[in-house]
Amino acid sequence: MSKGNTFSKLIKRPHLGSTRMLGYALTLHDYDAWEGASAVWQARLTETERAALAWAALRSLDHDDAVTVAETALGGAGAPLPPFISPMDEASFWADIASESELKAYALACFNRLSKRDQRAFLSHVREAA
C-alpha cells in the first residue's frame, strides 16, 4: 500500500475536501476562489477548526500584515457618523467599535486640525490624565 493511500485513510472526509479546496484557491489565486474556499470551509469544518486555520494563517504573517488582513476580513467601524445629539457620545460609541488603525488615523487627523491653542490644551489634558 502506498503512503498516499495510508494518509488518505487517516484524514477525515470533510478535511480532504477542505484541503483540496485550499489547493484550488492557491492555484487560481483570485477573489472568487478564496470566497469559494471560505464557503467550503464553513460547510465542512467546525468552528474550532476554522478558528485554528485562521489563527495559523495570521500567525504566519508579520504583525502589521496580520492586523491588515484581520481588519480587511472583519471590517472596521468606518467613518464616524455625524452627531445626532452629543458629539462626545457619538465619538465614544464610534471609538468602542473602531479598529486600532482607525483610532490612530482619526486621532492624529483630528489633533492636526486643532488650533495650536487647542492642541496645547489637549496635550495638557492627556498629561494630567496619565
Protein backbone atom coordinates (compact mmCIF):
# COMPACT_ATOMS: atom_id res chain seq x y z
CA MET A 1 0.00 0.00 0.00
CA SER A 2 1.38 3.42 -0.93
CA LYS A 3 1.78 6.19 1.62
CA GLY A 4 -0.77 8.32 -0.23
CA ASN A 5 -3.46 5.71 0.35
CA THR A 6 -2.49 5.32 4.01
CA PHE A 7 -2.66 9.05 4.69
CA SER A 8 -5.94 9.48 2.84
CA LYS A 9 -7.46 6.84 5.13
CA LEU A 10 -6.25 8.77 8.18
CA ILE A 11 -7.71 12.08 7.03
CA LYS A 12 -11.40 12.63 7.66
CA ARG A 13 -13.56 13.02 4.55
CA PRO A 14 -14.56 16.69 5.23
CA HIS A 15 -10.87 17.51 5.72
CA LEU A 16 -9.94 16.01 2.33
CA GLY A 17 -12.40 18.30 0.55
CA SER A 18 -11.19 21.26 2.58
CA THR A 19 -7.53 20.64 1.77
CA ARG A 20 -8.39 20.11 -1.89
CA MET A 21 -10.21 23.47 -1.86
CA LEU A 22 -7.11 25.11 -0.38
CA GLY A 23 -5.11 23.77 -3.33
CA TYR A 24 -7.65 25.13 -5.82
CA ALA A 25 -7.68 28.55 -4.16
CA LEU A 26 -3.88 28.71 -4.08
CA THR A 27 -3.71 27.69 -7.74
CA LEU A 28 -6.42 30.03 -9.04
CA HIS A 29 -5.46 32.81 -6.59
CA ASP A 30 -8.37 35.17 -7.20
CA TYR A 31 -11.21 36.54 -5.11
CA ASP A 32 -13.78 34.01 -6.32
CA ALA A 33 -11.52 31.06 -5.49
CA TRP A 34 -10.86 32.31 -1.96
CA GLU A 35 -14.54 33.16 -1.46
CA GLY A 36 -15.38 29.62 -2.58
CA ALA A 37 -12.80 28.20 -0.19
CA SER A 38 -14.38 30.15 2.64
CA ALA A 39 -17.81 28.70 1.80
CA VAL A 40 -16.45 25.14 1.60
CA TRP A 41 -14.62 25.50 4.90
CA GLN A 42 -17.73 26.88 6.55
CA ALA A 43 -19.71 23.86 5.33
CA ARG A 44 -17.09 21.18 6.03
CA LEU A 45 -15.09 22.36 9.03
CA THR A 46 -16.17 23.00 12.59
CA GLU A 47 -15.97 26.49 14.05
CA THR A 48 -12.97 25.38 16.12
CA GLU A 49 -11.20 24.03 13.04
CA ARG A 50 -11.85 27.24 11.10
CA ALA A 51 -10.62 29.32 14.05
CA ALA A 52 -7.44 27.22 14.21
CA LEU A 53 -6.94 27.65 10.45
CA ALA A 54 -7.38 31.43 10.74
CA TRP A 55 -5.06 31.56 13.76
CA ALA A 56 -2.34 29.62 11.96
CA ALA A 57 -2.64 31.76 8.83
CA LEU A 58 -2.47 35.02 10.81
CA ARG A 59 0.49 33.75 12.87
CA SER A 60 2.39 33.09 9.63
CA LEU A 61 2.30 36.83 8.82
CA ASP A 62 4.24 39.65 10.41
CA HIS A 63 2.18 41.64 12.92
CA ASP A 64 1.27 44.58 10.67
CA ASP A 65 0.19 42.33 7.81
CA ALA A 66 -1.83 40.15 10.20
CA VAL A 67 -3.66 43.21 11.52
CA THR A 68 -4.34 44.43 7.98
CA VAL A 69 -5.72 41.02 6.94
CA ALA A 70 -7.89 40.74 10.06
CA GLU A 71 -9.26 44.26 9.65
CA THR A 72 -9.96 43.61 5.96
CA ALA A 73 -11.82 40.39 6.78
CA LEU A 74 -13.74 41.79 9.73
CA GLY A 75 -14.21 45.33 8.54
CA GLY A 76 -13.70 48.34 10.72
CA ALA A 77 -16.07 50.89 12.13
CA GLY A 78 -15.87 53.06 9.03
CA ALA A 79 -16.06 56.81 9.26
CA PRO A 80 -17.68 58.27 12.37
CA LEU A 81 -21.31 59.22 11.91
CA PRO A 82 -22.43 62.82 12.27
CA PRO A 83 -23.52 63.53 15.83
CA PHE A 84 -27.24 63.13 16.48
CA ILE A 85 -27.38 64.61 19.96
CA SER A 86 -23.95 64.77 21.57
CA PRO A 87 -20.70 64.73 19.59
CA MET A 88 -18.87 63.22 22.59
CA ASP A 89 -21.39 60.36 22.93
CA GLU A 90 -21.21 59.60 19.22
CA ALA A 91 -17.40 59.76 19.26
CA SER A 92 -17.24 57.42 22.26
CA PHE A 93 -19.62 54.96 20.61
CA TRP A 94 -17.58 55.01 17.40
CA ALA A 95 -14.29 54.60 19.29
CA ASP A 96 -15.69 51.50 21.04
CA ILE A 97 -16.10 49.70 17.70
CA ALA A 98 -13.22 51.20 15.71
CA SER A 99 -10.08 49.23 14.90
CA GLU A 100 -6.74 50.32 16.30
CA SER A 101 -5.61 51.66 12.94
CA GLU A 102 -8.84 53.68 12.59
CA LEU A 103 -8.40 55.11 16.09
CA LYS A 104 -4.83 56.18 15.34
CA ALA A 105 -5.70 57.66 11.94
CA TYR A 106 -8.68 59.72 13.15
CA ALA A 107 -6.96 60.78 16.39
CA LEU A 108 -3.94 62.11 14.51
CA ALA A 109 -6.01 63.76 11.79
CA CYS A 110 -8.27 65.42 14.38
CA PHE A 111 -5.32 66.56 16.50
CA ASN A 112 -3.61 68.06 13.45
CA ARG A 113 -6.73 70.06 12.60
CA LEU A 114 -6.99 71.62 16.06
CA SER A 115 -5.69 75.13 16.59
CA LYS A 116 -2.30 75.37 18.32
CA ARG A 117 -4.07 76.57 21.47
CA ASP A 118 -6.42 73.58 21.45
CA GLN A 119 -3.53 71.21 20.74
CA ARG A 120 -1.73 72.53 23.85
CA ALA A 121 -4.91 72.19 25.92
CA PHE A 122 -5.42 68.63 24.64
CA LEU A 123 -1.85 67.64 25.44
CA SER A 124 -2.17 69.17 28.91
CA HIS A 125 -5.37 67.16 29.46
CA VAL A 126 -3.69 63.93 28.33
CA ARG A 127 -0.67 64.56 30.61
CA GLU A 128 -2.94 65.18 33.61
CA ALA A 129 -4.94 62.03 32.86
CA ALA A 130 -1.74 59.96 32.66
